[in-house]
């Protein structure tokens, strides 16, 4: 089982992007993880169903997030985080394919591994195995070692642009252990989720262009597309 659990944006100025997301998607008060300060960052993590939207922003020089902002020419998608049943097998597949790990954290309630974006392609990919399944430490105290009651909706898909979409799709599918659709450019996830890869790159290069979100009908009724934080949000009613 492979599920999309969290999508991450990077912004030079965190608060306006987080506020716009909250207003447009009717999200609750964000969780702010003090642990990210050790990496020269601050963040805001907001729940959408049992998935999460995070915005990070560098607060010191020399961070990977800051370099990403410079390289991509501004705010945009930064990371995609998946929940997997068998994370060790995924790590072995990644290592065998020459894909480096940029970080690995093993805690009692979660294992979290980040794969190098230059190797897997497109963006940082995080592999996570929470305990119990469905918990999510990164969502804040209520989600540590628990699966609290939550509203409907959630992050269901991601689209990346790539110079070689078929090659990148095959690499992601192999590492995740998830099937490829017949088009050879769509990685199929649990709960009808998907990661899609499209042709071509603009001046920003390979990277995330769209997050797909399931939202309540009243939110979707106000428009099925929004551009926030350098990423298009494709909205559909639950």
C-alpha atoms as a PDB file:
ATOM      1  CA  UNK A   1       0.000   0.000   0.000  1.00  0.00           C
ATOM      2  CA  UNK A   2       1.316   3.428  -0.990  1.00  0.00           C
ATOM      3  CA  UNK A   3      -0.656   6.546  -0.062  1.00  0.00           C
ATOM      4  CA  UNK A   4      -0.058  10.223  -0.638  1.00  0.00           C
ATOM      5  CA  UNK A   5      -0.078  11.772   2.855  1.00  0.00           C
ATOM      6  CA  UNK A   6       1.516  15.224   2.624  1.00  0.00           C
ATOM      7  CA  UNK A   7       2.368  17.818  -0.017  1.00  0.00           C
ATOM      8  CA  UNK A   8       4.874  20.564   0.709  1.00  0.00           C
ATOM      9  CA  UNK A   9       5.365  24.048  -0.730  1.00  0.00           C
ATOM     10  CA  UNK A  10       8.321  26.344  -0.175  1.00  0.00           C
ATOM     11  CA  UNK A  11       7.809  30.108   0.049  1.00  0.00           C
ATOM     12  CA  UNK A  12      10.073  33.040   0.713  1.00  0.00           C
ATOM     13  CA  UNK A  13       7.378  34.537   2.952  1.00  0.00           C
ATOM     14  CA  UNK A  14       5.498  31.794   4.785  1.00  0.00           C
ATOM     15  CA  UNK A  15       2.577  33.624   6.363  1.00  0.00           C
ATOM     16  CA  UNK A  16       0.834  35.046   3.251  1.00  0.00           C
ATOM     17  CA  UNK A  17       0.934  31.668   1.497  1.00  0.00           C
ATOM     18  CA  UNK A  18      -0.305  29.795   4.562  1.00  0.00           C
ATOM     19  CA  UNK A  19      -3.063  32.358   5.111  1.00  0.00           C
ATOM     20  CA  UNK A  20      -4.196  32.136   1.480  1.00  0.00           C
ATOM     21  CA  UNK A  21      -4.320  28.340   1.634  1.00  0.00           C
ATOM     22  CA  UNK A  22      -6.297  28.446   4.868  1.00  0.00           C
ATOM     23  CA  UNK A  23      -8.806  30.906   3.479  1.00  0.00           C
ATOM     24  CA  UNK A  24      -9.292  29.197   0.110  1.00  0.00           C
ATOM     25  CA  UNK A  25      -9.477  25.634   1.482  1.00  0.00           C
ATOM     26  CA  UNK A  26     -11.072  26.457   4.843  1.00  0.00           C
ATOM     27  CA  UNK A  27      -8.214  24.839   6.744  1.00  0.00           C
ATOM     28  CA  UNK A  28      -7.809  24.891  10.498  1.00  0.00           C
ATOM     29  CA  UNK A  29      -5.060  26.350  12.664  1.00  0.00           C
ATOM     30  CA  UNK A  30      -1.659  25.123  11.459  1.00  0.00           C
ATOM     31  CA  UNK A  31       0.796  23.069  13.449  1.00  0.00           C
ATOM     32  CA  UNK A  32       4.215  24.697  13.627  1.00  0.00           C
ATOM     33  CA  UNK A  33       7.004  22.236  14.247  1.00  0.00           C
ATOM     34  CA  UNK A  34       9.842  23.774  16.286  1.00  0.00           C
ATOM     35  CA  UNK A  35      12.147  20.938  15.198  1.00  0.00           C
ATOM     36  CA  UNK A  36      12.481  22.375  11.675  1.00  0.00           C
ATOM     37  CA  UNK A  37      14.336  25.386  13.057  1.00  0.00           C
ATOM     38  CA  UNK A  38      17.395  23.130  13.333  1.00  0.00           C
ATOM     39  CA  UNK A  39      17.377  23.035   9.518  1.00  0.00           C
ATOM     40  CA  UNK A  40      17.054  26.816   9.198  1.00  0.00           C
ATOM     41  CA  UNK A  41      13.327  26.647   8.459  1.00  0.00           C
ATOM     42  CA  UNK A  42       9.939  27.497   9.838  1.00  0.00           C
ATOM     43  CA  UNK A  43       6.722  25.859   8.744  1.00  0.00           C
ATOM     44  CA  UNK A  44       2.960  25.615   8.890  1.00  0.00           C
ATOM     45  CA  UNK A  45       1.268  22.209   8.546  1.00  0.00           C
ATOM     46  CA  UNK A  46      -2.477  22.117   7.878  1.00  0.00           C
ATOM     47  CA  UNK A  47      -4.743  19.079   7.832  1.00  0.00           C
ATOM     48  CA  UNK A  48      -7.032  18.336   4.901  1.00  0.00           C
ATOM     49  CA  UNK A  49      -8.908  15.172   5.772  1.00  0.00           C
ATOM     50  CA  UNK A  50      -6.232  12.761   6.985  1.00  0.00           C
ATOM     51  CA  UNK A  51      -3.621  14.286   4.679  1.00  0.00           C
ATOM     52  CA  UNK A  52      -1.590  17.449   5.095  1.00  0.00           C
ATOM     53  CA  UNK A  53      -0.448  20.570   3.281  1.00  0.00           C
ATOM     54  CA  UNK A  54       2.773  22.109   4.565  1.00  0.00           C
ATOM     55  CA  UNK A  55       4.419  25.412   3.760  1.00  0.00           C
ATOM     56  CA  UNK A  56       8.084  25.872   4.665  1.00  0.00           C
ATOM     57  CA  UNK A  57      10.235  28.966   4.508  1.00  0.00           C
ATOM     58  CA  UNK A  58      13.973  29.452   5.109  1.00  0.00           C
ATOM     59  CA  UNK A  59      14.982  31.634   8.037  1.00  0.00           C
ATOM     60  CA  UNK A  60      18.756  31.300   7.592  1.00  0.00           C
ATOM     61  CA  UNK A  61      21.047  31.363   4.573  1.00  0.00           C
ATOM     62  CA  UNK A  62      22.462  28.261   2.967  1.00  0.00           C
ATOM     63  CA  UNK A  63      19.408  26.009   3.309  1.00  0.00           C
ATOM     64  CA  UNK A  64      18.312  23.504   0.690  1.00  0.00           C
ATOM     65  CA  UNK A  65      14.920  25.251   0.654  1.00  0.00           C
ATOM     66  CA  UNK A  66      16.582  28.594  -0.087  1.00  0.00           C
ATOM     67  CA  UNK A  67      18.602  27.088  -2.913  1.00  0.00           C
ATOM     68  CA  UNK A  68      15.416  25.575  -4.300  1.00  0.00           C
ATOM     69  CA  UNK A  69      13.730  28.992  -4.280  1.00  0.00           C
ATOM     70  CA  UNK A  70      16.683  30.479  -6.151  1.00  0.00           C
ATOM     71  CA  UNK A  71      16.893  27.634  -8.655  1.00  0.00           C
ATOM     72  CA  UNK A  72      13.160  27.570  -9.395  1.00  0.00           C
ATOM     73  CA  UNK A  73      12.798  31.332  -9.427  1.00  0.00           C
ATOM     74  CA  UNK A  74      10.362  31.662  -6.533  1.00  0.00           C
ATOM     75  CA  UNK A  75       7.699  29.881  -4.524  1.00  0.00           C
ATOM     76  CA  UNK A  76       6.585  26.412  -5.604  1.00  0.00           C
ATOM     77  CA  UNK A  77       6.232  22.748  -4.817  1.00  0.00           C
ATOM     78  CA  UNK A  78       9.029  21.297  -2.711  1.00  0.00           C
ATOM     79  CA  UNK A  79       8.316  17.759  -1.534  1.00  0.00           C
ATOM     80  CA  UNK A  80       5.853  14.870  -1.780  1.00  0.00           C
ATOM     81  CA  UNK A  81       5.444  12.529   1.193  1.00  0.00           C
ATOM     82  CA  UNK A  82       4.093   8.982   0.988  1.00  0.00           C
ATOM     83  CA  UNK A  83       2.966   6.439   3.553  1.00  0.00           C
ATOM     84  CA  UNK A  84       4.238   2.938   2.747  1.00  0.00           C
ATOM     85  CA  UNK A  85       3.704  -0.438   4.400  1.00  0.00           C
ATOM     86  CA  UNK A  86       7.134  -1.798   3.453  1.00  0.00           C
ATOM     87  CA  UNK A  87       9.568   1.091   3.656  1.00  0.00           C
ATOM     88  CA  UNK A  88      12.659  -1.114   3.930  1.00  0.00           C
ATOM     89  CA  UNK A  89      11.976  -2.758   0.591  1.00  0.00           C
ATOM     90  CA  UNK A  90      11.471   0.685  -0.961  1.00  0.00           C
ATOM     91  CA  UNK A  91      14.798   1.834   0.486  1.00  0.00           C
ATOM     92  CA  UNK A  92      16.528  -1.182  -1.007  1.00  0.00           C
ATOM     93  CA  UNK A  93      14.981  -0.507  -4.414  1.00  0.00           C
ATOM     94  CA  UNK A  94      16.107   3.102  -4.244  1.00  0.00           C
ATOM     95  CA  UNK A  95      19.655   2.166  -3.223  1.00  0.00           C
ATOM     96  CA  UNK A  96      19.916  -0.430  -5.991  1.00  0.00           C
ATOM     97  CA  UNK A  97      18.870   2.239  -8.494  1.00  0.00           C
ATOM     98  CA  UNK A  98      21.585   4.608  -7.245  1.00  0.00           C
ATOM     99  CA  UNK A  99      19.155   6.971  -5.535  1.00  0.00           C
ATOM    100  CA  UNK A 100      20.697   8.615  -2.488  1.00  0.00           C
ATOM    101  CA  UNK A 101      19.015   9.300   0.832  1.00  0.00           C
ATOM    102  CA  UNK A 102      19.439  12.895   1.981  1.00  0.00           C
ATOM    103  CA  UNK A 103      18.020  12.172   5.440  1.00  0.00           C
ATOM    104  CA  UNK A 104      16.673   9.258   7.462  1.00  0.00           C
ATOM    105  CA  UNK A 105      14.898   9.461  10.822  1.00  0.00           C
ATOM    106  CA  UNK A 106      13.760   6.435  12.813  1.00  0.00           C
ATOM    107  CA  UNK A 107      11.463   7.213  15.743  1.00  0.00           C
ATOM    108  CA  UNK A 108       9.166   4.931  17.743  1.00  0.00           C
ATOM    109  CA  UNK A 109       6.090   6.193  15.884  1.00  0.00           C
ATOM    110  CA  UNK A 110       7.501   6.818  12.388  1.00  0.00           C
ATOM    111  CA  UNK A 111      10.341   6.085   9.980  1.00  0.00           C
ATOM    112  CA  UNK A 112      10.976   8.961   7.565  1.00  0.00           C
ATOM    113  CA  UNK A 113      13.404   8.841   4.621  1.00  0.00           C
ATOM    114  CA  UNK A 114      13.997  11.630   2.092  1.00  0.00           C
ATOM    115  CA  UNK A 115      15.326  10.771  -1.361  1.00  0.00           C
ATOM    116  CA  UNK A 116      17.613  13.079  -3.312  1.00  0.00           C
ATOM    117  CA  UNK A 117      15.625  15.044  -5.915  1.00  0.00           C
ATOM    118  CA  UNK A 118      18.439  14.904  -8.467  1.00  0.00           C
ATOM    119  CA  UNK A 119      18.366  11.095  -8.320  1.00  0.00           C
ATOM    120  CA  UNK A 120      14.652  10.266  -8.149  1.00  0.00           C
ATOM    121  CA  UNK A 121      13.792  13.290 -10.288  1.00  0.00           C
ATOM    122  CA  UNK A 122      11.448  16.235 -10.038  1.00  0.00           C
ATOM    123  CA  UNK A 123      11.349  16.904  -6.320  1.00  0.00           C
ATOM    124  CA  UNK A 124      12.212  15.512  -2.902  1.00  0.00           C
ATOM    125  CA  UNK A 125      10.353  12.269  -2.231  1.00  0.00           C
ATOM    126  CA  UNK A 126       9.708  11.259   1.383  1.00  0.00           C
ATOM    127  CA  UNK A 127       9.015   7.646   2.311  1.00  0.00           C
ATOM    128  CA  UNK A 128       7.246   7.234   5.660  1.00  0.00           C
ATOM    129  CA  UNK A 129       6.025   4.315   7.739  1.00  0.00           C
ATOM    130  CA  UNK A 130       3.932   5.540  10.671  1.00  0.00           C
ATOM    131  CA  UNK A 131       3.047   3.416  13.677  1.00  0.00           C
ATOM    132  CA  UNK A 132       0.192   2.717  13.898  1.00  0.00           C
ATOM    133  CA  UNK A 133      -0.689   2.911  10.192  1.00  0.00           C
ATOM    134  CA  UNK A 134      -2.606   6.090   9.478  1.00  0.00           C
ATOM    135  CA  UNK A 135      -0.937   8.073  12.263  1.00  0.00           C
ATOM    136  CA  UNK A 136       1.202  11.015  11.177  1.00  0.00           C
ATOM    137  CA  UNK A 137       3.680  12.623  13.580  1.00  0.00           C
ATOM    138  CA  UNK A 138       4.354  15.482  11.158  1.00  0.00           C
ATOM    139  CA  UNK A 139       0.735  16.631  11.535  1.00  0.00           C
ATOM    140  CA  UNK A 140       1.219  17.654  15.158  1.00  0.00           C
ATOM    141  CA  UNK A 141       0.572  16.267  18.646  1.00  0.00           C
ATOM    142  CA  UNK A 142      -2.960  15.026  17.915  1.00  0.00           C
ATOM    143  CA  UNK A 143      -1.544  12.761  15.179  1.00  0.00           C
ATOM    144  CA  UNK A 144       1.341  11.259  17.126  1.00  0.00           C
ATOM    145  CA  UNK A 145       0.662   7.568  17.703  1.00  0.00           C
ATOM    146  CA  UNK A 146      -3.021   8.217  16.919  1.00  0.00           C
ATOM    147  CA  UNK A 147      -5.519   8.606  14.114  1.00  0.00           C
ATOM    148  CA  UNK A 148      -7.931  11.258  15.384  1.00  0.00           C
ATOM    149  CA  UNK A 149     -11.348  11.991  13.940  1.00  0.00           C
ATOM    150  CA  UNK A 150     -11.026  14.126  10.837  1.00  0.00           C
ATOM    151  CA  UNK A 151     -13.100  15.854   8.184  1.00  0.00           C
ATOM    152  CA  UNK A 152     -13.507  14.438   4.656  1.00  0.00           C
ATOM    153  CA  UNK A 153     -11.233  15.379   1.780  1.00  0.00           C
ATOM    154  CA  UNK A 154      -7.508  15.233   1.245  1.00  0.00           C
ATOM    155  CA  UNK A 155      -4.534  15.446  -1.086  1.00  0.00           C
ATOM    156  CA  UNK A 156      -5.062  12.865  -3.811  1.00  0.00           C
ATOM    157  CA  UNK A 157      -2.553  13.596  -6.528  1.00  0.00           C
ATOM    158  CA  UNK A 158       0.486  15.456  -7.795  1.00  0.00           C
ATOM    159  CA  UNK A 159       1.542  16.441 -11.305  1.00  0.00           C
ATOM    160  CA  UNK A 160       5.179  17.088 -12.216  1.00  0.00           C
ATOM    161  CA  UNK A 161       6.586  18.439 -15.458  1.00  0.00           C
ATOM    162  CA  UNK A 162       9.666  16.673 -16.761  1.00  0.00           C
ATOM    163  CA  UNK A 163      11.925  16.537 -19.772  1.00  0.00           C
ATOM    164  CA  UNK A 164      11.557  12.732 -19.661  1.00  0.00           C
ATOM    165  CA  UNK A 165       8.141  12.079 -18.109  1.00  0.00           C
ATOM    166  CA  UNK A 166       8.041   8.367 -18.913  1.00  0.00           C
ATOM    167  CA  UNK A 167      11.501   7.774 -17.466  1.00  0.00           C
ATOM    168  CA  UNK A 168      10.732   9.730 -14.309  1.00  0.00           C
ATOM    169  CA  UNK A 169       7.396   7.947 -13.871  1.00  0.00           C
ATOM    170  CA  UNK A 170       9.073   4.560 -14.191  1.00  0.00           C
ATOM    171  CA  UNK A 171      11.682   5.518 -11.596  1.00  0.00           C
ATOM    172  CA  UNK A 172       9.083   6.711  -9.070  1.00  0.00           C
ATOM    173  CA  UNK A 173       6.897   3.643  -9.642  1.00  0.00           C
ATOM    174  CA  UNK A 174       9.861   1.319  -9.154  1.00  0.00           C
ATOM    175  CA  UNK A 175      10.967   2.908  -5.889  1.00  0.00           C
ATOM    176  CA  UNK A 176       7.452   3.207  -4.472  1.00  0.00           C
ATOM    177  CA  UNK A 177       6.488  -0.286  -5.551  1.00  0.00           C
ATOM    178  CA  UNK A 178       3.366   1.152  -7.159  1.00  0.00           C
ATOM    179  CA  UNK A 179       1.892   0.263 -10.566  1.00  0.00           C
ATOM    180  CA  UNK A 180       2.184   2.376 -13.687  1.00  0.00           C
ATOM    181  CA  UNK A 181      -0.958   3.119 -15.652  1.00  0.00           C
ATOM    182  CA  UNK A 182      -1.184   2.143 -19.324  1.00  0.00           C
ATOM    183  CA  UNK A 183      -0.075   5.632 -20.379  1.00  0.00           C
ATOM    184  CA  UNK A 184       3.331   4.962 -18.803  1.00  0.00           C
ATOM    185  CA  UNK A 185       3.253   8.385 -17.148  1.00  0.00           C
ATOM    186  CA  UNK A 186       0.940   7.896 -14.179  1.00  0.00           C
ATOM    187  CA  UNK A 187       1.901   6.174 -10.935  1.00  0.00           C
ATOM    188  CA  UNK A 188      -1.215   4.718  -9.318  1.00  0.00           C
ATOM    189  CA  UNK A 189      -1.614   5.082  -5.552  1.00  0.00           C
ATOM    190  CA  UNK A 190      -4.028   3.765  -2.951  1.00  0.00           C
ATOM    191  CA  UNK A 191      -7.443   5.436  -2.552  1.00  0.00           C
ATOM    192  CA  UNK A 192      -7.525   6.413  -6.241  1.00  0.00           C
ATOM    193  CA  UNK A 193      -4.488   8.664  -5.827  1.00  0.00           C
ATOM    194  CA  UNK A 194      -1.962   9.295  -8.574  1.00  0.00           C
ATOM    195  CA  UNK A 195       1.323  10.964  -9.432  1.00  0.00           C
ATOM    196  CA  UNK A 196       1.272  12.238 -13.004  1.00  0.00           C
ATOM    197  CA  UNK A 197       4.176  13.291 -15.209  1.00  0.00           C
ATOM    198  CA  UNK A 198       3.729  15.659 -18.140  1.00  0.00           C
ATOM    199  CA  UNK A 199       5.916  16.639 -21.093  1.00  0.00           C
ATOM    200  CA  UNK A 200       8.226  19.575 -21.176  1.00  0.00           C
ATOM    201  CA  UNK A 201       9.683  22.083 -18.794  1.00  0.00           C
ATOM    202  CA  UNK A 202       9.546  25.840 -18.682  1.00  0.00           C
ATOM    203  CA  UNK A 203      12.301  28.105 -17.414  1.00  0.00           C
ATOM    204  CA  UNK A 204      11.807  26.613 -13.933  1.00  0.00           C
ATOM    205  CA  UNK A 205      12.876  23.130 -15.044  1.00  0.00           C
ATOM    206  CA  UNK A 206      11.566  19.769 -13.837  1.00  0.00           C
ATOM    207  CA  UNK A 207       9.286  20.003 -10.843  1.00  0.00           C
ATOM    208  CA  UNK A 208       5.844  20.072  -9.283  1.00  0.00           C
ATOM    209  CA  UNK A 209       3.159  22.000 -11.146  1.00  0.00           C
ATOM    210  CA  UNK A 210      -0.123  20.783  -9.606  1.00  0.00           C
ATOM    211  CA  UNK A 211      -1.522  19.371  -6.377  1.00  0.00           C
ATOM    212  CA  UNK A 212      -4.867  17.572  -6.674  1.00  0.00           C
ATOM    213  CA  UNK A 213      -7.139  18.019  -3.650  1.00  0.00           C
ATOM    214  CA  UNK A 214     -10.516  16.586  -2.717  1.00  0.00           C
ATOM    215  CA  UNK A 215     -12.545  19.259  -0.940  1.00  0.00           C
ATOM    216  CA  UNK A 216     -16.095  19.778   0.259  1.00  0.00           C
ATOM    217  CA  UNK A 217     -18.683  20.660  -2.408  1.00  0.00           C
ATOM    218  CA  UNK A 218     -19.042  24.245  -1.177  1.00  0.00           C
ATOM    219  CA  UNK A 219     -15.293  24.846  -1.537  1.00  0.00           C
ATOM    220  CA  UNK A 220     -15.253  23.291  -5.013  1.00  0.00           C
ATOM    221  CA  UNK A 221     -18.281  25.383  -6.005  1.00  0.00           C
ATOM    222  CA  UNK A 222     -16.157  28.515  -5.685  1.00  0.00           C
ATOM    223  CA  UNK A 223     -13.806  27.255  -8.392  1.00  0.00           C
ATOM    224  CA  UNK A 224     -12.002  24.060  -9.317  1.00  0.00           C
ATOM    225  CA  UNK A 225      -8.587  25.641  -9.842  1.00  0.00           C
ATOM    226  CA  UNK A 226      -6.470  28.048  -7.817  1.00  0.00           C
ATOM    227  CA  UNK A 227      -2.864  29.211  -8.076  1.00  0.00           C
ATOM    228  CA  UNK A 228      -1.271  29.517  -4.635  1.00  0.00           C
ATOM    229  CA  UNK A 229       2.391  29.516  -3.691  1.00  0.00           C
ATOM    230  CA  UNK A 230       3.581  28.852  -7.228  1.00  0.00           C
ATOM    231  CA  UNK A 231       1.506  25.664  -7.568  1.00  0.00           C
ATOM    232  CA  UNK A 232      -1.833  25.068  -9.246  1.00  0.00           C
ATOM    233  CA  UNK A 233      -4.419  23.481  -6.954  1.00  0.00           C
ATOM    234  CA  UNK A 234      -6.862  21.257  -8.852  1.00  0.00           C
ATOM    235  CA  UNK A 235      -9.960  20.944  -6.664  1.00  0.00           C
ATOM    236  CA  UNK A 236     -12.720  18.357  -6.906  1.00  0.00           C
ATOM    237  CA  UNK A 237     -15.706  17.812  -4.655  1.00  0.00           C
ATOM    238  CA  UNK A 238     -15.646  14.804  -2.305  1.00  0.00           C
END
